[in-house]
Amino acid sequence: MLWFTVWTLLVLGTLTGAFFLGRDLYRKGRRLLRELDRASQVLAEAAARAEGRELPLTTPAPVDLTDPEPARARRALAAQATAGRQAARQARHEAAYARWRSFSH
């Protein structure tokens, strides 16, 4: 008689848990479908707006390949900026490592 009661309670508890889990999944599924519907509407509106717009057709400025100095100057500036970022990152790393070492020693 005791085992019958235990198994009955286990089955009823499982069915109750399955009910609540199923209800939760059903509600989440409904919310997901609502959001997907809303997303498709927004995407349709964006496509309609984009359809009305035309991108201007511009020709790029001609590149003067006879004088490489402007390109070299831009490249030097970019290298200088990169070096500055690397130095700043290295300083941050060294400061962090110093803090970590102060905790461990």
PDB file of N, CA and C in Angstrom:
ATOM      1  N   MET A   1       0.805  -1.186   0.000  1.00  0.00           N
ATOM      2  CA  MET A   1       0.000   0.000   0.000  1.00  0.00           C
ATOM      3  C   MET A   1       0.861   1.268   0.000  1.00  0.00           C
ATOM      4  N   LEU A   2       1.998   1.228   0.705  1.00  0.00           N
ATOM      5  CA  LEU A   2       2.887   2.381   0.772  1.00  0.00           C
ATOM      6  C   LEU A   2       3.472   2.688  -0.603  1.00  0.00           C
ATOM      7  N   TRP A   3       3.898   1.659  -1.322  1.00  0.00           N
ATOM      8  CA  TRP A   3       4.488   1.890  -2.646  1.00  0.00           C
ATOM      9  C   TRP A   3       3.462   2.432  -3.621  1.00  0.00           C
ATOM     10  N   PHE A   4       2.254   1.992  -3.518  1.00  0.00           N
ATOM     11  CA  PHE A   4       1.195   2.515  -4.383  1.00  0.00           C
ATOM     12  C   PHE A   4       1.026   4.019  -4.160  1.00  0.00           C
ATOM     13  N   THR A   5       1.066   4.449  -2.920  1.00  0.00           N
ATOM     14  CA  THR A   5       0.926   5.872  -2.591  1.00  0.00           C
ATOM     15  C   THR A   5       2.120   6.668  -3.116  1.00  0.00           C
ATOM     16  N   VAL A   6       3.324   6.114  -2.929  1.00  0.00           N
ATOM     17  CA  VAL A   6       4.533   6.797  -3.399  1.00  0.00           C
ATOM     18  C   VAL A   6       4.485   6.958  -4.915  1.00  0.00           C
ATOM     19  N   TRP A   7       4.172   5.891  -5.632  1.00  0.00           N
ATOM     20  CA  TRP A   7       4.145   5.950  -7.083  1.00  0.00           C
ATOM     21  C   TRP A   7       3.019   6.863  -7.575  1.00  0.00           C
ATOM     22  N   THR A   8       1.921   6.862  -6.913  1.00  0.00           N
ATOM     23  CA  THR A   8       0.817   7.741  -7.292  1.00  0.00           C
ATOM     24  C   THR A   8       1.227   9.202  -7.140  1.00  0.00           C
ATOM     25  N   LEU A   9       1.875   9.526  -6.022  1.00  0.00           N
ATOM     26  CA  LEU A   9       2.343  10.895  -5.819  1.00  0.00           C
ATOM     27  C   LEU A   9       3.398  11.279  -6.854  1.00  0.00           C
ATOM     28  N   LEU A  10       4.291  10.349  -7.191  1.00  0.00           N
ATOM     29  CA  LEU A  10       5.310  10.632  -8.205  1.00  0.00           C
ATOM     30  C   LEU A  10       4.675  10.900  -9.566  1.00  0.00           C
ATOM     31  N   VAL A  11       3.731  10.097  -9.942  1.00  0.00           N
ATOM     32  CA  VAL A  11       3.064  10.288 -11.236  1.00  0.00           C
ATOM     33  C   VAL A  11       2.286  11.589 -11.249  1.00  0.00           C
ATOM     34  N   LEU A  12       1.541  11.873 -10.182  1.00  0.00           N
ATOM     35  CA  LEU A  12       0.777  13.122 -10.125  1.00  0.00           C
ATOM     36  C   LEU A  12       1.704  14.340 -10.138  1.00  0.00           C
ATOM     37  N   GLY A  13       2.825  14.245  -9.428  1.00  0.00           N
ATOM     38  CA  GLY A  13       3.793  15.345  -9.430  1.00  0.00           C
ATOM     39  C   GLY A  13       4.396  15.547 -10.810  1.00  0.00           C
ATOM     40  N   THR A  14       4.688  14.458 -11.507  1.00  0.00           N
ATOM     41  CA  THR A  14       5.239  14.561 -12.853  1.00  0.00           C
ATOM     42  C   THR A  14       4.230  15.176 -13.806  1.00  0.00           C
ATOM     43  N   LEU A  15       2.991  14.738 -13.701  1.00  0.00           N
ATOM     44  CA  LEU A  15       1.959  15.310 -14.565  1.00  0.00           C
ATOM     45  C   LEU A  15       1.737  16.793 -14.278  1.00  0.00           C
ATOM     46  N   THR A  16       1.790  17.172 -13.023  1.00  0.00           N
ATOM     47  CA  THR A  16       1.642  18.586 -12.665  1.00  0.00           C
ATOM     48  C   THR A  16       2.802  19.400 -13.233  1.00  0.00           C
ATOM     49  N   GLY A  17       4.020  18.897 -13.073  1.00  0.00           N
ATOM     50  CA  GLY A  17       5.187  19.589 -13.626  1.00  0.00           C
ATOM     51  C   GLY A  17       5.112  19.682 -15.139  1.00  0.00           C
ATOM     52  N   ALA A  18       4.662  18.601 -15.796  1.00  0.00           N
ATOM     53  CA  ALA A  18       4.530  18.619 -17.247  1.00  0.00           C
ATOM     54  C   ALA A  18       3.486  19.642 -17.685  1.00  0.00           C
ATOM     55  N   PHE A  19       2.401  19.760 -16.925  1.00  0.00           N
ATOM     56  CA  PHE A  19       1.380  20.756 -17.248  1.00  0.00           C
ATOM     57  C   PHE A  19       1.961  22.165 -17.209  1.00  0.00           C
ATOM     58  N   PHE A  20       2.662  22.488 -16.106  1.00  0.00           N
ATOM     59  CA  PHE A  20       3.218  23.836 -15.986  1.00  0.00           C
ATOM     60  C   PHE A  20       4.298  24.092 -17.028  1.00  0.00           C
ATOM     61  N   LEU A  21       5.112  23.101 -17.325  1.00  0.00           N
ATOM     62  CA  LEU A  21       6.132  23.252 -18.355  1.00  0.00           C
ATOM     63  C   LEU A  21       5.481  23.457 -19.723  1.00  0.00           C
ATOM     64  N   GLY A  22       4.480  22.669 -20.038  1.00  0.00           N
ATOM     65  CA  GLY A  22       3.786  22.824 -21.313  1.00  0.00           C
ATOM     66  C   GLY A  22       3.112  24.175 -21.441  1.00  0.00           C
ATOM     67  N   ARG A  23       2.490  24.637 -20.371  1.00  0.00           N
ATOM     68  CA  ARG A  23       1.846  25.947 -20.397  1.00  0.00           C
ATOM     69  C   ARG A  23       2.867  27.053 -20.628  1.00  0.00           C
ATOM     70  N   ASP A  24       4.020  26.940 -19.954  1.00  0.00           N
ATOM     71  CA  ASP A  24       5.065  27.942 -20.123  1.00  0.00           C
ATOM     72  C   ASP A  24       5.597  27.939 -21.554  1.00  0.00           C
ATOM     73  N   LEU A  25       5.825  26.748 -22.106  1.00  0.00           N
ATOM     74  CA  LEU A  25       6.308  26.667 -23.480  1.00  0.00           C
ATOM     75  C   LEU A  25       5.282  27.212 -24.465  1.00  0.00           C
ATOM     76  N   TYR A  26       4.005  26.944 -24.230  1.00  0.00           N
ATOM     77  CA  TYR A  26       2.951  27.453 -25.095  1.00  0.00           C
ATOM     78  C   TYR A  26       2.929  28.983 -25.083  1.00  0.00           C
ATOM     79  N   ARG A  27       3.026  29.561 -23.896  1.00  0.00           N
ATOM     80  CA  ARG A  27       3.013  31.020 -23.793  1.00  0.00           C
ATOM     81  C   ARG A  27       4.240  31.640 -24.458  1.00  0.00           C
ATOM     82  N   LYS A  28       5.398  31.026 -24.253  1.00  0.00           N
ATOM     83  CA  LYS A  28       6.611  31.548 -24.887  1.00  0.00           C
ATOM     84  C   LYS A  28       6.541  31.414 -26.401  1.00  0.00           C
ATOM     85  N   GLY A  29       5.952  30.326 -26.876  1.00  0.00           N
ATOM     86  CA  GLY A  29       5.793  30.144 -28.312  1.00  0.00           C
ATOM     87  C   GLY A  29       4.877  31.191 -28.916  1.00  0.00           C
ATOM     88  N   ARG A  30       3.784  31.514 -28.218  1.00  0.00           N
ATOM     89  CA  ARG A  30       2.875  32.558 -28.698  1.00  0.00           C
ATOM     90  C   ARG A  30       3.575  33.906 -28.753  1.00  0.00           C
ATOM     91  N   ARG A  31       4.373  34.206 -27.707  1.00  0.00           N
ATOM     92  CA  ARG A  31       5.112  35.473 -27.709  1.00  0.00           C
ATOM     93  C   ARG A  31       6.130  35.512 -28.839  1.00  0.00           C
ATOM     94  N   LEU A  32       6.792  34.383 -29.087  1.00  0.00           N
ATOM     95  CA  LEU A  32       7.769  34.319 -30.174  1.00  0.00           C
ATOM     96  C   LEU A  32       7.089  34.561 -31.518  1.00  0.00           C
ATOM     97  N   LEU A  33       5.964  33.944 -31.746  1.00  0.00           N
ATOM     98  CA  LEU A  33       5.244  34.139 -33.005  1.00  0.00           C
ATOM     99  C   LEU A  33       4.784  35.589 -33.159  1.00  0.00           C
ATOM    100  N   ARG A  34       4.351  36.208 -32.063  1.00  0.00           N
ATOM    101  CA  ARG A  34       3.953  37.617 -32.107  1.00  0.00           C
ATOM    102  C   ARG A  34       5.136  38.503 -32.483  1.00  0.00           C
ATOM    103  N   GLU A  35       6.300  38.242 -31.888  1.00  0.00           N
ATOM    104  CA  GLU A  35       7.494  39.029 -32.200  1.00  0.00           C
ATOM    105  C   GLU A  35       7.962  38.790 -33.631  1.00  0.00           C
ATOM    106  N   LEU A  36       7.865  37.557 -34.108  1.00  0.00           N
ATOM    107  CA  LEU A  36       8.246  37.285 -35.490  1.00  0.00           C
ATOM    108  C   LEU A  36       7.315  38.003 -36.465  1.00  0.00           C
ATOM    109  N   ASP A  37       6.039  38.069 -36.136  1.00  0.00           N
ATOM    110  CA  ASP A  37       5.096  38.800 -36.976  1.00  0.00           C
ATOM    111  C   ASP A  37       5.443  40.280 -36.997  1.00  0.00           C
ATOM    112  N   ARG A  38       5.741  40.815 -35.821  1.00  0.00           N
ATOM    113  CA  ARG A  38       6.127  42.221 -35.743  1.00  0.00           C
ATOM    114  C   ARG A  38       7.412  42.496 -36.508  1.00  0.00           C
ATOM    115  N   ALA A  39       8.387  41.579 -36.411  1.00  0.00           N
ATOM    116  CA  ALA A  39       9.651  41.750 -37.131  1.00  0.00           C
ATOM    117  C   ALA A  39       9.427  41.706 -38.639  1.00  0.00           C
ATOM    118  N   SER A  40       8.533  40.837 -39.100  1.00  0.00           N
ATOM    119  CA  SER A  40       8.281  40.781 -40.542  1.00  0.00           C
ATOM    120  C   SER A  40       7.603  42.060 -41.019  1.00  0.00           C
ATOM    121  N   GLN A  41       6.738  42.646 -40.189  1.00  0.00           N
ATOM    122  CA  GLN A  41       6.107  43.912 -40.559  1.00  0.00           C
ATOM    123  C   GLN A  41       7.136  45.037 -40.639  1.00  0.00           C
ATOM    124  N   VAL A  42       8.025  45.087 -39.673  1.00  0.00           N
ATOM    125  CA  VAL A  42       9.061  46.125 -39.670  1.00  0.00           C
ATOM    126  C   VAL A  42       9.975  45.951 -40.875  1.00  0.00           C
ATOM    127  N   LEU A  43      10.319  44.710 -41.189  1.00  0.00           N
ATOM    128  CA  LEU A  43      11.179  44.450 -42.338  1.00  0.00           C
ATOM    129  C   LEU A  43      10.476  44.839 -43.636  1.00  0.00           C
ATOM    130  N   ALA A  44       9.185  44.577 -43.724  1.00  0.00           N
ATOM    131  CA  ALA A  44       8.431  44.978 -44.920  1.00  0.00           C
ATOM    132  C   ALA A  44       8.395  46.493 -45.055  1.00  0.00           C
ATOM    133  N   GLU A  45       8.200  47.196 -43.939  1.00  0.00           N
ATOM    134  CA  GLU A  45       8.208  48.661 -43.981  1.00  0.00           C
ATOM    135  C   GLU A  45       9.567  49.195 -44.403  1.00  0.00           C
ATOM    136  N   ALA A  46      10.636  48.594 -43.867  1.00  0.00           N
ATOM    137  CA  ALA A  46      11.985  49.040 -44.224  1.00  0.00           C
ATOM    138  C   ALA A  46      12.259  48.776 -45.703  1.00  0.00           C
ATOM    139  N   ALA A  47      11.798  47.642 -46.205  1.00  0.00           N
ATOM    140  CA  ALA A  47      12.000  47.339 -47.626  1.00  0.00           C
ATOM    141  C   ALA A  47      11.227  48.318 -48.498  1.00  0.00           C
ATOM    142  N   ALA A  48      10.014  48.681 -48.062  1.00  0.00           N
ATOM    143  CA  ALA A  48       9.219  49.644 -48.830  1.00  0.00           C
ATOM    144  C   ALA A  48       9.896  51.010 -48.844  1.00  0.00           C
ATOM    145  N   ARG A  49      10.441  51.411 -47.702  1.00  0.00           N
ATOM    146  CA  ARG A  49      11.139  52.702 -47.658  1.00  0.00           C
ATOM    147  C   ARG A  49      12.407  52.675 -48.490  1.00  0.00           C
ATOM    148  N   ALA A  50      13.135  51.556 -48.439  1.00  0.00           N
ATOM    149  CA  ALA A  50      14.386  51.457 -49.195  1.00  0.00           C
ATOM    150  C   ALA A  50      14.111  51.394 -50.690  1.00  0.00           C
ATOM    151  N   GLU A  51      12.979  50.849 -51.058  1.00  0.00           N
ATOM    152  CA  GLU A  51      12.638  50.753 -52.472  1.00  0.00           C
ATOM    153  C   GLU A  51      12.446  52.137 -53.082  1.00  0.00           C
ATOM    154  N   GLY A  52      11.935  53.057 -52.290  1.00  0.00           N
ATOM    155  CA  GLY A  52      11.689  54.411 -52.790  1.00  0.00           C
ATOM    156  C   GLY A  52      12.957  55.230 -52.921  1.00  0.00           C
ATOM    157  N   ARG A  53      13.982  54.827 -52.256  1.00  0.00           N
ATOM    158  CA  ARG A  53      15.234  55.596 -52.302  1.00  0.00           C
ATOM    159  C   ARG A  53      16.154  55.024 -53.364  1.00  0.00           C
ATOM    160  N   GLU A  54      16.876  55.913 -53.983  1.00  0.00           N
ATOM    161  CA  GLU A  54      17.881  55.478 -54.941  1.00  0.00           C
ATOM    162  C   GLU A  54      19.226  56.005 -54.482  1.00  0.00           C
ATOM    163  N   LEU A  55      20.225  55.178 -54.595  1.00  0.00           N
ATOM    164  CA  LEU A  55      21.562  55.613 -54.235  1.00  0.00           C
ATOM    165  C   LEU A  55      22.119  56.480 -55.360  1.00  0.00           C
ATOM    166  N   PRO A  56      22.717  57.597 -55.013  1.00  0.00           N
ATOM    167  CA  PRO A  56      23.274  58.444 -56.064  1.00  0.00           C
ATOM    168  C   PRO A  56      24.469  57.753 -56.719  1.00  0.00           C
ATOM    169  N   LEU A  57      24.497  57.814 -58.008  1.00  0.00           N
ATOM    170  CA  LEU A  57      25.601  57.219 -58.746  1.00  0.00           C
ATOM    171  C   LEU A  57      26.676  58.277 -58.933  1.00  0.00           C
ATOM    172  N   THR A  58      27.734  58.152 -58.183  1.00  0.00           N
ATOM    173  CA  THR A  58      28.836  59.096 -58.298  1.00  0.00           C
ATOM    174  C   THR A  58      30.070  58.341 -58.730  1.00  0.00           C
ATOM    175  N   THR A  59      30.851  58.992 -59.489  1.00  0.00           N
ATOM    176  CA  THR A  59      32.117  58.380 -59.898  1.00  0.00           C
ATOM    177  C   THR A  59      33.175  58.789 -58.901  1.00  0.00           C
ATOM    178  N   PRO A  60      34.020  57.858 -58.511  1.00  0.00           N
ATOM    179  CA  PRO A  60      35.068  58.221 -57.554  1.00  0.00           C
ATOM    180  C   PRO A  60      36.062  59.192 -58.191  1.00  0.00           C
ATOM    181  N   ALA A  61      36.681  59.961 -57.317  1.00  0.00           N
ATOM    182  CA  ALA A  61      37.677  60.911 -57.803  1.00  0.00           C
ATOM    183  C   ALA A  61      38.841  60.140 -58.428  1.00  0.00           C
ATOM    184  N   PRO A  62      39.374  60.641 -59.502  1.00  0.00           N
ATOM    185  CA  PRO A  62      40.485  59.925 -60.136  1.00  0.00           C
ATOM    186  C   PRO A  62      41.717  59.922 -59.226  1.00  0.00           C
ATOM    187  N   VAL A  63      42.416  58.829 -59.241  1.00  0.00           N
ATOM    188  CA  VAL A  63      43.599  58.668 -58.403  1.00  0.00           C
ATOM    189  C   VAL A  63      44.818  59.010 -59.238  1.00  0.00           C
ATOM    190  N   ASP A  64      45.639  59.880 -58.682  1.00  0.00           N
ATOM    191  CA  ASP A  64      46.858  60.279 -59.373  1.00  0.00           C
ATOM    192  C   ASP A  64      47.978  59.334 -58.959  1.00  0.00           C
ATOM    193  N   LEU A  65      48.320  58.421 -59.828  1.00  0.00           N
ATOM    194  CA  LEU A  65      49.346  57.440 -59.512  1.00  0.00           C
ATOM    195  C   LEU A  65      50.750  57.922 -59.830  1.00  0.00           C
ATOM    196  N   THR A  66      50.882  59.117 -60.381  1.00  0.00           N
ATOM    197  CA  THR A  66      52.213  59.614 -60.722  1.00  0.00           C
ATOM    198  C   THR A  66      52.945  60.148 -59.501  1.00  0.00           C
ATOM    199  N   ASP A  67      52.212  60.577 -58.473  1.00  0.00           N
ATOM    200  CA  ASP A  67      52.837  61.142 -57.279  1.00  0.00           C
ATOM    201  C   ASP A  67      52.499  60.272 -56.065  1.00  0.00           C
ATOM    202  N   PRO A  68      53.412  59.423 -55.589  1.00  0.00           N
ATOM    203  CA  PRO A  68      53.127  58.542 -54.454  1.00  0.00           C
ATOM    204  C   PRO A  68      53.274  59.222 -53.092  1.00  0.00           C
ATOM    205  N   GLU A  69      53.714  60.470 -53.043  1.00  0.00           N
ATOM    206  CA  GLU A  69      53.973  61.133 -51.761  1.00  0.00           C
ATOM    207  C   GLU A  69      52.734  61.286 -50.879  1.00  0.00           C
ATOM    208  N   PRO A  70      51.567  61.675 -51.395  1.00  0.00           N
ATOM    209  CA  PRO A  70      50.398  61.765 -50.507  1.00  0.00           C
ATOM    210  C   PRO A  70      50.029  60.418 -49.872  1.00  0.00           C
ATOM    211  N   ALA A  71      50.153  59.356 -50.643  1.00  0.00           N
ATOM    212  CA  ALA A  71      49.862  58.029 -50.095  1.00  0.00           C
ATOM    213  C   ALA A  71      50.879  57.662 -49.032  1.00  0.00           C
ATOM    214  N   ARG A  72      52.136  57.996 -49.270  1.00  0.00           N
ATOM    215  CA  ARG A  72      53.169  57.704 -48.260  1.00  0.00           C
ATOM    216  C   ARG A  72      52.929  58.510 -46.987  1.00  0.00           C
ATOM    217  N   ALA A  73      52.483  59.742 -47.140  1.00  0.00           N
ATOM    218  CA  ALA A  73      52.211  60.577 -45.961  1.00  0.00           C
ATOM    219  C   ALA A  73      51.044  59.998 -45.162  1.00  0.00           C
ATOM    220  N   ARG A  74      49.974  59.572 -45.862  1.00  0.00           N
ATOM    221  CA  ARG A  74      48.849  58.958 -45.154  1.00  0.00           C
ATOM    222  C   ARG A  74      49.272  57.679 -44.457  1.00  0.00           C
ATOM    223  N   ARG A  75      50.106  56.907 -45.126  1.00  0.00           N
ATOM    224  CA  ARG A  75      50.565  55.656 -44.522  1.00  0.00           C
ATOM    225  C   ARG A  75      51.428  55.924 -43.296  1.00  0.00           C
ATOM    226  N   ALA A  76      52.259  56.955 -43.350  1.00  0.00           N
ATOM    227  CA  ALA A  76      53.093  57.304 -42.195  1.00  0.00           C
ATOM    228  C   ALA A  76      52.217  57.755 -41.025  1.00  0.00           C
ATOM    229  N   LEU A  77      51.184  58.541 -41.314  1.00  0.00           N
ATOM    230  CA  LEU A  77      50.270  58.967 -40.251  1.00  0.00           C
ATOM    231  C   LEU A  77      49.545  57.769 -39.642  1.00  0.00           C
ATOM    232  N   ALA A  78      49.122  56.838 -40.476  1.00  0.00           N
ATOM    233  CA  ALA A  78      48.432  55.648 -39.970  1.00  0.00           C
ATOM    234  C   ALA A  78      49.379  54.813 -39.115  1.00  0.00           C
ATOM    235  N   ALA A  79      50.627  54.671 -39.537  1.00  0.00           N
ATOM    236  CA  ALA A  79      51.607  53.908 -38.762  1.00  0.00           C
ATOM    237  C   ALA A  79      51.872  54.579 -37.424  1.00  0.00           C
ATOM    238  N   GLN A  80      51.925  55.908 -37.445  1.00  0.00           N
ATOM    239  CA  GLN A  80      52.151  56.652 -36.204  1.00  0.00           C
ATOM    240  C   GLN A  80      50.969  56.449 -35.244  1.00  0.00           C
ATOM    241  N   ALA A  81      49.753  56.503 -35.757  1.00  0.00           N
ATOM    242  CA  ALA A  81      48.575  56.298 -34.912  1.00  0.00           C
ATOM    243  C   ALA A  81      48.545  54.875 -34.365  1.00  0.00           C
ATOM    244  N   THR A  82      48.924  53.909 -35.197  1.00  0.00           N
ATOM    245  CA  THR A  82      48.959  52.522 -34.749  1.00  0.00           C
ATOM    246  C   THR A  82      49.986  52.339 -33.639  1.00  0.00           C
ATOM    247  N   ALA A  83      51.140  52.944 -33.808  1.00  0.00           N
ATOM    248  CA  ALA A  83      52.177  52.841 -32.784  1.00  0.00           C
ATOM    249  C   ALA A  83      51.701  53.465 -31.474  1.00  0.00           C
ATOM    250  N   GLY A  84      50.997  54.577 -31.561  1.00  0.00           N
ATOM    251  CA  GLY A  84      50.465  55.211 -30.356  1.00  0.00           C
ATOM    252  C   GLY A  84      49.447  54.325 -29.647  1.00  0.00           C
ATOM    253  N   ARG A  85      48.570  53.681 -30.418  1.00  0.00           N
ATOM    254  CA  ARG A  85      47.592  52.776 -29.811  1.00  0.00           C
ATOM    255  C   ARG A  85      48.273  51.572 -29.179  1.00  0.00           C
ATOM    256  N   GLN A  86      49.298  51.049 -29.847  1.00  0.00           N
ATOM    257  CA  GLN A  86      50.022  49.905 -29.286  1.00  0.00           C
ATOM    258  C   GLN A  86      50.725  50.279 -27.989  1.00  0.00           C
ATOM    259  N   ALA A  87      51.314  51.469 -27.954  1.00  0.00           N
ATOM    260  CA  ALA A  87      51.998  51.911 -26.736  1.00  0.00           C
ATOM    261  C   ALA A  87      50.998  52.089 -25.590  1.00  0.00           C
ATOM    262  N   ALA A  88      49.844  52.658 -25.891  1.00  0.00           N
ATOM    263  CA  ALA A  88      48.822  52.844 -24.851  1.00  0.00           C
ATOM    264  C   ALA A  88      48.335  51.493 -24.346  1.00  0.00           C
ATOM    265  N   ARG A  89      48.124  50.552 -25.259  1.00  0.00           N
ATOM    266  CA  ARG A  89      47.671  49.220 -24.851  1.00  0.00           C
ATOM    267  C   ARG A  89      48.742  48.532 -24.006  1.00  0.00           C
ATOM    268  N   GLN A  90      49.993  48.661 -24.392  1.00  0.00           N
ATOM    269  CA  GLN A  90      51.073  48.066 -23.621  1.00  0.00           C
ATOM    270  C   GLN A  90      51.146  48.673 -22.218  1.00  0.00           C
ATOM    271  N   ALA A  91      50.939  49.983 -22.117  1.00  0.00           N
ATOM    272  CA  ALA A  91      50.955  50.638 -20.800  1.00  0.00           C
ATOM    273  C   ALA A  91      49.802  50.130 -19.933  1.00  0.00           C
ATOM    274  N   ARG A  92      48.617  49.964 -20.538  1.00  0.00           N
ATOM    275  CA  ARG A  92      47.482  49.430 -19.769  1.00  0.00           C
ATOM    276  C   ARG A  92      47.770  48.016 -19.292  1.00  0.00           C
ATOM    277  N   HIS A  93      48.367  47.212 -20.168  1.00  0.00           N
ATOM    278  CA  HIS A  93      48.684  45.835 -19.779  1.00  0.00           C
ATOM    279  C   HIS A  93      49.711  45.805 -18.650  1.00  0.00           C
ATOM    280  N   GLU A  94      50.718  46.631 -18.755  1.00  0.00           N
ATOM    281  CA  GLU A  94      51.743  46.668 -17.702  1.00  0.00           C
ATOM    282  C   GLU A  94      51.144  47.109 -16.370  1.00  0.00           C
ATOM    283  N   ALA A  95      50.234  48.083 -16.416  1.00  0.00           N
ATOM    284  CA  ALA A  95      49.585  48.531 -15.179  1.00  0.00           C
ATOM    285  C   ALA A  95      48.742  47.407 -14.585  1.00  0.00           C
ATOM    286  N   ALA A  96      48.032  46.672 -15.429  1.00  0.00           N
ATOM    287  CA  ALA A  96      47.213  45.566 -14.936  1.00  0.00           C
ATOM    288  C   ALA A  96      48.093  44.474 -14.348  1.00  0.00           C
ATOM    289  N   TYR A  97      49.193  44.146 -15.040  1.00  0.00           N
ATOM    290  CA  TYR A  97      50.093  43.110 -14.534  1.00  0.00           C
ATOM    291  C   TYR A  97      50.714  43.529 -13.205  1.00  0.00           C
ATOM    292  N   ALA A  98      51.033  44.805 -13.069  1.00  0.00           N
ATOM    293  CA  ALA A  98      51.603  45.290 -11.805  1.00  0.00           C
ATOM    294  C   ALA A  98      50.590  45.143 -10.675  1.00  0.00           C
ATOM    295  N   ARG A  99      49.321  45.467 -10.954  1.00  0.00           N
ATOM    296  CA  ARG A  99      48.286  45.297  -9.926  1.00  0.00           C
ATOM    297  C   ARG A  99      48.145  43.835  -9.553  1.00  0.00           C
ATOM    298  N   TRP A 100      48.153  42.951 -10.545  1.00  0.00           N
ATOM    299  CA  TRP A 100      48.004  41.519 -10.272  1.00  0.00           C
ATOM    300  C   TRP A 100      49.186  41.000  -9.449  1.00  0.00           C
ATOM    301  N   ARG A 101      50.392  41.462  -9.821  1.00  0.00           N
ATOM    302  CA  ARG A 101      51.570  41.034  -9.066  1.00  0.00           C
ATOM    303  C   ARG A 101      51.514  41.530  -7.628  1.00  0.00           C
ATOM    304  N   SER A 102      50.950  42.724  -7.395  1.00  0.00           N
ATOM    305  CA  SER A 102      50.868  43.257  -6.033  1.00  0.00           C
ATOM    306  C   SER A 102      49.923  42.403  -5.172  1.00  0.00           C
ATOM    307  N   PHE A 103      48.937  41.778  -5.781  1.00  0.00           N
ATOM    308  CA  PHE A 103      48.033  40.915  -5.023  1.00  0.00           C
ATOM    309  C   PHE A 103      48.653  39.568  -4.718  1.00  0.00           C
ATOM    310  N   SER A 104      49.515  39.082  -5.602  1.00  0.00           N
ATOM    311  CA  SER A 104      50.037  37.731  -5.441  1.00  0.00           C
ATOM    312  C   SER A 104      51.359  37.675  -4.693  1.00  0.00           C
ATOM    313  N   HIS A 105      51.997  38.796  -4.501  1.00  0.00           N
ATOM    314  CA  HIS A 105      53.298  38.770  -3.815  1.00  0.00           C
ATOM    315  C   HIS A 105      53.213  39.404  -2.468  1.00  0.00           C
TER     316      HIS A 105
END
